[in-house]
Amino acid sequence: MAETITPMKTEMGWVMEIPPEMAEILKVEPGSLAILYPKGGALETEILPPPSAELKEDFERLFNKYRETFEELKRIGD
């Protein structure tokens, strides 16, 4: 039985990781993301490549640097 993928809701639409077999069919890199959003009564999509190692490292560094700030914002509801 096929696995069901549930997109993650964001403020502007939904995000989901493209499964490897779909990435192969679409000829995109494994780990790419599909962004789904409503537009004009239809569902639009955009495909983003997976984040680079450099971007992941920058994110981790900044997240750790400002961890307390992010936790406080989350606690007070942003």
PDB file of N, CA and C in Angstrom:
ATOM      1  N   MET A   1       0.840  -1.187   0.000  1.00  0.00           N
ATOM      2  CA  MET A   1       0.000   0.000   0.000  1.00  0.00           C
ATOM      3  C   MET A   1       0.881   1.245   0.000  1.00  0.00           C
ATOM      4  N   ALA A   2       0.516   2.234  -0.775  1.00  0.00           N
ATOM      5  CA  ALA A   2       1.290   3.463  -0.886  1.00  0.00           C
ATOM      6  C   ALA A   2       1.168   4.296   0.382  1.00  0.00           C
ATOM      7  N   GLU A   3       2.252   4.994   0.701  1.00  0.00           N
ATOM      8  CA  GLU A   3       2.281   5.870   1.867  1.00  0.00           C
ATOM      9  C   GLU A   3       1.598   7.193   1.525  1.00  0.00           C
ATOM     10  N   THR A   4       0.821   7.724   2.449  1.00  0.00           N
ATOM     11  CA  THR A   4       0.158   9.009   2.258  1.00  0.00           C
ATOM     12  C   THR A   4       1.060  10.117   2.782  1.00  0.00           C
ATOM     13  N   ILE A   5       1.198  11.168   1.999  1.00  0.00           N
ATOM     14  CA  ILE A   5       2.010  12.320   2.399  1.00  0.00           C
ATOM     15  C   ILE A   5       1.070  13.463   2.738  1.00  0.00           C
ATOM     16  N   THR A   6       1.239  14.015   3.927  1.00  0.00           N
ATOM     17  CA  THR A   6       0.418  15.136   4.345  1.00  0.00           C
ATOM     18  C   THR A   6       1.236  16.416   4.264  1.00  0.00           C
ATOM     19  N   PRO A   7       0.847  17.362   3.413  1.00  0.00           N
ATOM     20  CA  PRO A   7       1.583  18.632   3.332  1.00  0.00           C
ATOM     21  C   PRO A   7       1.499  19.405   4.647  1.00  0.00           C
ATOM     22  N   MET A   8       2.550  20.180   4.945  1.00  0.00           N
ATOM     23  CA  MET A   8       2.578  21.012   6.141  1.00  0.00           C
ATOM     24  C   MET A   8       1.990  22.373   5.789  1.00  0.00           C
ATOM     25  N   LYS A   9       1.018  22.823   6.576  1.00  0.00           N
ATOM     26  CA  LYS A   9       0.358  24.113   6.332  1.00  0.00           C
ATOM     27  C   LYS A   9       1.272  25.255   6.741  1.00  0.00           C
ATOM     28  N   THR A  10       1.310  26.291   5.900  1.00  0.00           N
ATOM     29  CA  THR A  10       2.037  27.520   6.211  1.00  0.00           C
ATOM     30  C   THR A  10       1.066  28.686   6.041  1.00  0.00           C
ATOM     31  N   GLU A  11       1.535  29.898   6.259  1.00  0.00           N
ATOM     32  CA  GLU A  11       0.668  31.070   6.108  1.00  0.00           C
ATOM     33  C   GLU A  11       0.202  31.266   4.671  1.00  0.00           C
ATOM     34  N   MET A  12       1.015  30.868   3.703  1.00  0.00           N
ATOM     35  CA  MET A  12       0.690  31.137   2.306  1.00  0.00           C
ATOM     36  C   MET A  12       0.225  29.915   1.519  1.00  0.00           C
ATOM     37  N   GLY A  13       0.291  28.738   2.111  1.00  0.00           N
ATOM     38  CA  GLY A  13      -0.111  27.529   1.388  1.00  0.00           C
ATOM     39  C   GLY A  13       0.345  26.292   2.131  1.00  0.00           C
ATOM     40  N   TRP A  14       0.842  25.304   1.386  1.00  0.00           N
ATOM     41  CA  TRP A  14       1.268  24.044   1.959  1.00  0.00           C
ATOM     42  C   TRP A  14       2.612  23.653   1.360  1.00  0.00           C
ATOM     43  N   VAL A  15       3.406  22.936   2.153  1.00  0.00           N
ATOM     44  CA  VAL A  15       4.721  22.489   1.723  1.00  0.00           C
ATOM     45  C   VAL A  15       4.814  20.993   1.938  1.00  0.00           C
ATOM     46  N   MET A  16       5.402  20.303   0.955  1.00  0.00           N
ATOM     47  CA  MET A  16       5.638  18.870   1.123  1.00  0.00           C
ATOM     48  C   MET A  16       6.940  18.481   0.443  1.00  0.00           C
ATOM     49  N   GLU A  17       7.623  17.511   1.031  1.00  0.00           N
ATOM     50  CA  GLU A  17       8.817  16.986   0.383  1.00  0.00           C
ATOM     51  C   GLU A  17       8.364  16.057  -0.733  1.00  0.00           C
ATOM     52  N   ILE A  18       8.980  16.187  -1.890  1.00  0.00           N
ATOM     53  CA  ILE A  18       8.623  15.358  -3.035  1.00  0.00           C
ATOM     54  C   ILE A  18       9.245  13.985  -2.837  1.00  0.00           C
ATOM     55  N   PRO A  19       8.434  12.924  -2.875  1.00  0.00           N
ATOM     56  CA  PRO A  19       8.972  11.573  -2.692  1.00  0.00           C
ATOM     57  C   PRO A  19       9.998  11.235  -3.784  1.00  0.00           C
ATOM     58  N   PRO A  20      10.982  10.387  -3.480  1.00  0.00           N
ATOM     59  CA  PRO A  20      12.040  10.058  -4.441  1.00  0.00           C
ATOM     60  C   PRO A  20      11.525   9.591  -5.803  1.00  0.00           C
ATOM     61  N   GLU A  21      10.505   8.732  -5.815  1.00  0.00           N
ATOM     62  CA  GLU A  21      10.006   8.228  -7.100  1.00  0.00           C
ATOM     63  C   GLU A  21       9.350   9.332  -7.929  1.00  0.00           C
ATOM     64  N   MET A  22       8.712  10.297  -7.257  1.00  0.00           N
ATOM     65  CA  MET A  22       8.112  11.426  -7.972  1.00  0.00           C
ATOM     66  C   MET A  22       9.210  12.370  -8.454  1.00  0.00           C
ATOM     67  N   ALA A  23      10.246  12.566  -7.627  1.00  0.00           N
ATOM     68  CA  ALA A  23      11.367  13.421  -8.024  1.00  0.00           C
ATOM     69  C   ALA A  23      12.021  12.877  -9.291  1.00  0.00           C
ATOM     70  N   GLU A  24      12.144  11.564  -9.363  1.00  0.00           N
ATOM     71  CA  GLU A  24      12.736  10.944 -10.551  1.00  0.00           C
ATOM     72  C   GLU A  24      11.880  11.208 -11.789  1.00  0.00           C
ATOM     73  N   ILE A  25      10.581  11.063 -11.662  1.00  0.00           N
ATOM     74  CA  ILE A  25       9.665  11.310 -12.783  1.00  0.00           C
ATOM     75  C   ILE A  25       9.722  12.771 -13.216  1.00  0.00           C
ATOM     76  N   LEU A  26       9.776  13.676 -12.231  1.00  0.00           N
ATOM     77  CA  LEU A  26       9.804  15.120 -12.516  1.00  0.00           C
ATOM     78  C   LEU A  26      11.189  15.626 -12.913  1.00  0.00           C
ATOM     79  N   LYS A  27      12.186  14.740 -12.766  1.00  0.00           N
ATOM     80  CA  LYS A  27      13.577  15.100 -13.060  1.00  0.00           C
ATOM     81  C   LYS A  27      14.057  16.272 -12.201  1.00  0.00           C
ATOM     82  N   VAL A  28      13.768  16.160 -10.884  1.00  0.00           N
ATOM     83  CA  VAL A  28      14.254  17.127  -9.906  1.00  0.00           C
ATOM     84  C   VAL A  28      15.083  16.368  -8.872  1.00  0.00           C
ATOM     85  N   GLU A  29      15.872  17.096  -8.102  1.00  0.00           N
ATOM     86  CA  GLU A  29      16.720  16.468  -7.098  1.00  0.00           C
ATOM     87  C   GLU A  29      15.881  15.837  -5.986  1.00  0.00           C
ATOM     88  N   PRO A  30      16.296  14.656  -5.513  1.00  0.00           N
ATOM     89  CA  PRO A  30      15.633  14.081  -4.338  1.00  0.00           C
ATOM     90  C   PRO A  30      15.734  15.069  -3.176  1.00  0.00           C
ATOM     91  N   GLY A  31      14.694  15.168  -2.385  1.00  0.00           N
ATOM     92  CA  GLY A  31      14.671  16.120  -1.277  1.00  0.00           C
ATOM     93  C   GLY A  31      14.112  17.476  -1.663  1.00  0.00           C
ATOM     94  N   SER A  32      13.720  17.636  -2.933  1.00  0.00           N
ATOM     95  CA  SER A  32      13.109  18.894  -3.366  1.00  0.00           C
ATOM     96  C   SER A  32      11.769  19.074  -2.663  1.00  0.00           C
ATOM     97  N   LEU A  33      11.338  20.319  -2.569  1.00  0.00           N
ATOM     98  CA  LEU A  33      10.078  20.635  -1.903  1.00  0.00           C
ATOM     99  C   LEU A  33       9.061  21.136  -2.915  1.00  0.00           C
ATOM    100  N   ALA A  34       7.815  20.731  -2.730  1.00  0.00           N
ATOM    101  CA  ALA A  34       6.705  21.256  -3.533  1.00  0.00           C
ATOM    102  C   ALA A  34       5.961  22.259  -2.666  1.00  0.00           C
ATOM    103  N   ILE A  35       5.763  23.435  -3.208  1.00  0.00           N
ATOM    104  CA  ILE A  35       4.990  24.475  -2.540  1.00  0.00           C
ATOM    105  C   ILE A  35       3.651  24.540  -3.264  1.00  0.00           C
ATOM    106  N   LEU A  36       2.565  24.371  -2.529  1.00  0.00           N
ATOM    107  CA  LEU A  36       1.212  24.372  -3.101  1.00  0.00           C
ATOM    108  C   LEU A  36       0.450  25.556  -2.530  1.00  0.00           C
ATOM    109  N   TYR A  37      -0.189  26.329  -3.413  1.00  0.00           N
ATOM    110  CA  TYR A  37      -0.965  27.462  -2.912  1.00  0.00           C
ATOM    111  C   TYR A  37      -2.133  27.755  -3.852  1.00  0.00           C
ATOM    112  N   PRO A  38      -3.242  28.252  -3.268  1.00  0.00           N
ATOM    113  CA  PRO A  38      -4.406  28.578  -4.087  1.00  0.00           C
ATOM    114  C   PRO A  38      -4.184  29.875  -4.853  1.00  0.00           C
ATOM    115  N   LYS A  39      -4.648  29.886  -6.115  1.00  0.00           N
ATOM    116  CA  LYS A  39      -4.546  31.104  -6.925  1.00  0.00           C
ATOM    117  C   LYS A  39      -5.615  31.043  -8.005  1.00  0.00           C
ATOM    118  N   GLY A  40      -6.502  32.009  -7.981  1.00  0.00           N
ATOM    119  CA  GLY A  40      -7.535  32.109  -9.003  1.00  0.00           C
ATOM    120  C   GLY A  40      -8.419  30.873  -9.115  1.00  0.00           C
ATOM    121  N   GLY A  41      -8.762  30.294  -7.998  1.00  0.00           N
ATOM    122  CA  GLY A  41      -9.642  29.129  -8.012  1.00  0.00           C
ATOM    123  C   GLY A  41      -8.954  27.833  -8.416  1.00  0.00           C
ATOM    124  N   ALA A  42      -7.619  27.849  -8.515  1.00  0.00           N
ATOM    125  CA  ALA A  42      -6.867  26.653  -8.883  1.00  0.00           C
ATOM    126  C   ALA A  42      -5.750  26.441  -7.865  1.00  0.00           C
ATOM    127  N   LEU A  43      -5.068  25.333  -7.976  1.00  0.00           N
ATOM    128  CA  LEU A  43      -3.953  25.025  -7.105  1.00  0.00           C
ATOM    129  C   LEU A  43      -2.664  25.202  -7.900  1.00  0.00           C
ATOM    130  N   GLU A  44      -1.848  26.170  -7.514  1.00  0.00           N
ATOM    131  CA  GLU A  44      -0.565  26.428  -8.164  1.00  0.00           C
ATOM    132  C   GLU A  44       0.520  25.675  -7.407  1.00  0.00           C
ATOM    133  N   THR A  45       1.585  25.317  -8.101  1.00  0.00           N
ATOM    134  CA  THR A  45       2.710  24.642  -7.452  1.00  0.00           C
ATOM    135  C   THR A  45       4.024  25.270  -7.892  1.00  0.00           C
ATOM    136  N   GLU A  46       4.977  25.221  -6.999  1.00  0.00           N
ATOM    137  CA  GLU A  46       6.352  25.597  -7.304  1.00  0.00           C
ATOM    138  C   GLU A  46       7.229  24.515  -6.707  1.00  0.00           C
ATOM    139  N   ILE A  47       8.345  24.233  -7.346  1.00  0.00           N
ATOM    140  CA  ILE A  47       9.277  23.232  -6.837  1.00  0.00           C
ATOM    141  C   ILE A  47      10.574  23.926  -6.472  1.00  0.00           C
ATOM    142  N   LEU A  48      10.998  23.712  -5.225  1.00  0.00           N
ATOM    143  CA  LEU A  48      12.249  24.288  -4.738  1.00  0.00           C
ATOM    144  C   LEU A  48      13.267  23.165  -4.567  1.00  0.00           C
ATOM    145  N   PRO A  49      14.518  23.401  -4.948  1.00  0.00           N
ATOM    146  CA  PRO A  49      15.539  22.371  -4.750  1.00  0.00           C
ATOM    147  C   PRO A  49      15.806  22.185  -3.254  1.00  0.00           C
ATOM    148  N   PRO A  50      16.401  21.059  -2.886  1.00  0.00           N
ATOM    149  CA  PRO A  50      16.717  20.869  -1.464  1.00  0.00           C
ATOM    150  C   PRO A  50      17.742  21.909  -1.016  1.00  0.00           C
ATOM    151  N   PRO A  51      17.724  22.269   0.266  1.00  0.00           N
ATOM    152  CA  PRO A  51      18.681  23.262   0.743  1.00  0.00           C
ATOM    153  C   PRO A  51      20.115  22.733   0.647  1.00  0.00           C
ATOM    154  N   SER A  52      21.039  23.624   0.347  1.00  0.00           N
ATOM    155  CA  SER A  52      22.447  23.249   0.254  1.00  0.00           C
ATOM    156  C   SER A  52      23.008  22.983   1.654  1.00  0.00           C
ATOM    157  N   ALA A  53      24.145  22.315   1.704  1.00  0.00           N
ATOM    158  CA  ALA A  53      24.810  22.054   2.983  1.00  0.00           C
ATOM    159  C   ALA A  53      25.150  23.376   3.670  1.00  0.00           C
ATOM    160  N   GLU A  54      25.576  24.370   2.882  1.00  0.00           N
ATOM    161  CA  GLU A  54      25.917  25.678   3.444  1.00  0.00           C
ATOM    162  C   GLU A  54      24.696  26.346   4.081  1.00  0.00           C
ATOM    163  N   LEU A  55      23.544  26.268   3.411  1.00  0.00           N
ATOM    164  CA  LEU A  55      22.325  26.855   3.960  1.00  0.00           C
ATOM    165  C   LEU A  55      21.914  26.149   5.248  1.00  0.00           C
ATOM    166  N   LYS A  56      22.020  24.822   5.269  1.00  0.00           N
ATOM    167  CA  LYS A  56      21.684  24.065   6.487  1.00  0.00           C
ATOM    168  C   LYS A  56      22.596  24.463   7.643  1.00  0.00           C
ATOM    169  N   GLU A  57      23.895  24.608   7.363  1.00  0.00           N
ATOM    170  CA  GLU A  57      24.843  25.009   8.404  1.00  0.00           C
ATOM    171  C   GLU A  57      24.536  26.411   8.917  1.00  0.00           C
ATOM    172  N   ASP A  58      24.244  27.337   8.008  1.00  0.00           N
ATOM    173  CA  ASP A  58      23.894  28.700   8.411  1.00  0.00           C
ATOM    174  C   ASP A  58      22.641  28.707   9.275  1.00  0.00           C
ATOM    175  N   PHE A  59      21.641  27.923   8.876  1.00  0.00           N
ATOM    176  CA  PHE A  59      20.403  27.853   9.648  1.00  0.00           C
ATOM    177  C   PHE A  59      20.689  27.353  11.066  1.00  0.00           C
ATOM    178  N   GLU A  60      21.428  26.252  11.171  1.00  0.00           N
ATOM    179  CA  GLU A  60      21.726  25.680  12.488  1.00  0.00           C
ATOM    180  C   GLU A  60      22.489  26.680  13.360  1.00  0.00           C
ATOM    181  N   ARG A  61      23.475  27.353  12.764  1.00  0.00           N
ATOM    182  CA  ARG A  61      24.271  28.328  13.508  1.00  0.00           C
ATOM    183  C   ARG A  61      23.397  29.464  14.031  1.00  0.00           C
ATOM    184  N   LEU A  62      22.565  30.017  13.149  1.00  0.00           N
ATOM    185  CA  LEU A  62      21.698  31.126  13.563  1.00  0.00           C
ATOM    186  C   LEU A  62      20.621  30.685  14.537  1.00  0.00           C
ATOM    187  N   PHE A  63      20.057  29.505  14.307  1.00  0.00           N
ATOM    188  CA  PHE A  63      19.034  29.003  15.218  1.00  0.00           C
ATOM    189  C   PHE A  63      19.615  28.832  16.616  1.00  0.00           C
ATOM    190  N   ASN A  64      20.810  28.236  16.697  1.00  0.00           N
ATOM    191  CA  ASN A  64      21.436  28.035  18.003  1.00  0.00           C
ATOM    192  C   ASN A  64      21.815  29.358  18.653  1.00  0.00           C
ATOM    193  N   LYS A  65      22.275  30.314  17.846  1.00  0.00           N
ATOM    194  CA  LYS A  65      22.665  31.621  18.378  1.00  0.00           C
ATOM    195  C   LYS A  65      21.466  32.353  18.989  1.00  0.00           C
ATOM    196  N   TYR A  66      20.310  32.248  18.342  1.00  0.00           N
ATOM    197  CA  TYR A  66      19.118  32.981  18.795  1.00  0.00           C
ATOM    198  C   TYR A  66      18.056  32.068  19.402  1.00  0.00           C
ATOM    199  N   ARG A  67      18.452  30.887  19.845  1.00  0.00           N
ATOM    200  CA  ARG A  67      17.512  29.902  20.390  1.00  0.00           C
ATOM    201  C   ARG A  67      16.623  30.499  21.485  1.00  0.00           C
ATOM    202  N   GLU A  68      17.222  31.190  22.433  1.00  0.00           N
ATOM    203  CA  GLU A  68      16.440  31.755  23.540  1.00  0.00           C
ATOM    204  C   GLU A  68      15.413  32.765  23.034  1.00  0.00           C
ATOM    205  N   THR A  69      15.794  33.568  22.065  1.00  0.00           N
ATOM    206  CA  THR A  69      14.867  34.551  21.488  1.00  0.00           C
ATOM    207  C   THR A  69      13.697  33.841  20.812  1.00  0.00           C
ATOM    208  N   PHE A  70      13.991  32.795  20.030  1.00  0.00           N
ATOM    209  CA  PHE A  70      12.932  32.046  19.345  1.00  0.00           C
ATOM    210  C   PHE A  70      11.996  31.384  20.360  1.00  0.00           C
ATOM    211  N   GLU A  71      12.571  30.832  21.426  1.00  0.00           N
ATOM    212  CA  GLU A  71      11.737  30.190  22.459  1.00  0.00           C
ATOM    213  C   GLU A  71      10.830  31.215  23.135  1.00  0.00           C
ATOM    214  N   GLU A  72      11.358  32.418  23.404  1.00  0.00           N
ATOM    215  CA  GLU A  72      10.553  33.467  24.032  1.00  0.00           C
ATOM    216  C   GLU A  72       9.449  33.930  23.096  1.00  0.00           C
ATOM    217  N   LEU A  73       9.764  34.114  21.828  1.00  0.00           N
ATOM    218  CA  LEU A  73       8.735  34.514  20.855  1.00  0.00           C
ATOM    219  C   LEU A  73       7.639  33.452  20.772  1.00  0.00           C
ATOM    220  N   LYS A  74       8.021  32.208  20.767  1.00  0.00           N
ATOM    221  CA  LYS A  74       7.045  31.126  20.716  1.00  0.00           C
ATOM    222  C   LYS A  74       6.174  31.136  21.985  1.00  0.00           C
ATOM    223  N   ARG A  75       6.820  31.376  23.131  1.00  0.00           N
ATOM    224  CA  ARG A  75       6.095  31.378  24.401  1.00  0.00           C
ATOM    225  C   ARG A  75       5.052  32.486  24.442  1.00  0.00           C
ATOM    226  N   ILE A  76       5.409  33.695  23.935  1.00  0.00           N
ATOM    227  CA  ILE A  76       4.467  34.811  24.009  1.00  0.00           C
ATOM    228  C   ILE A  76       3.555  34.893  22.784  1.00  0.00           C
ATOM    229  N   GLY A  77       3.736  33.965  21.849  1.00  0.00           N
ATOM    230  CA  GLY A  77       2.850  33.934  20.692  1.00  0.00           C
ATOM    231  C   GLY A  77       3.294  34.836  19.573  1.00  0.00           C
ATOM    232  N   ASP A  78       4.636  35.066  19.517  1.00  0.00           N
ATOM    233  CA  ASP A  78       5.183  35.845  18.402  1.00  0.00           C
ATOM    234  C   ASP A  78       4.701  37.261  18.491  1.00  0.00           C
TER     235      ASP A  78
END
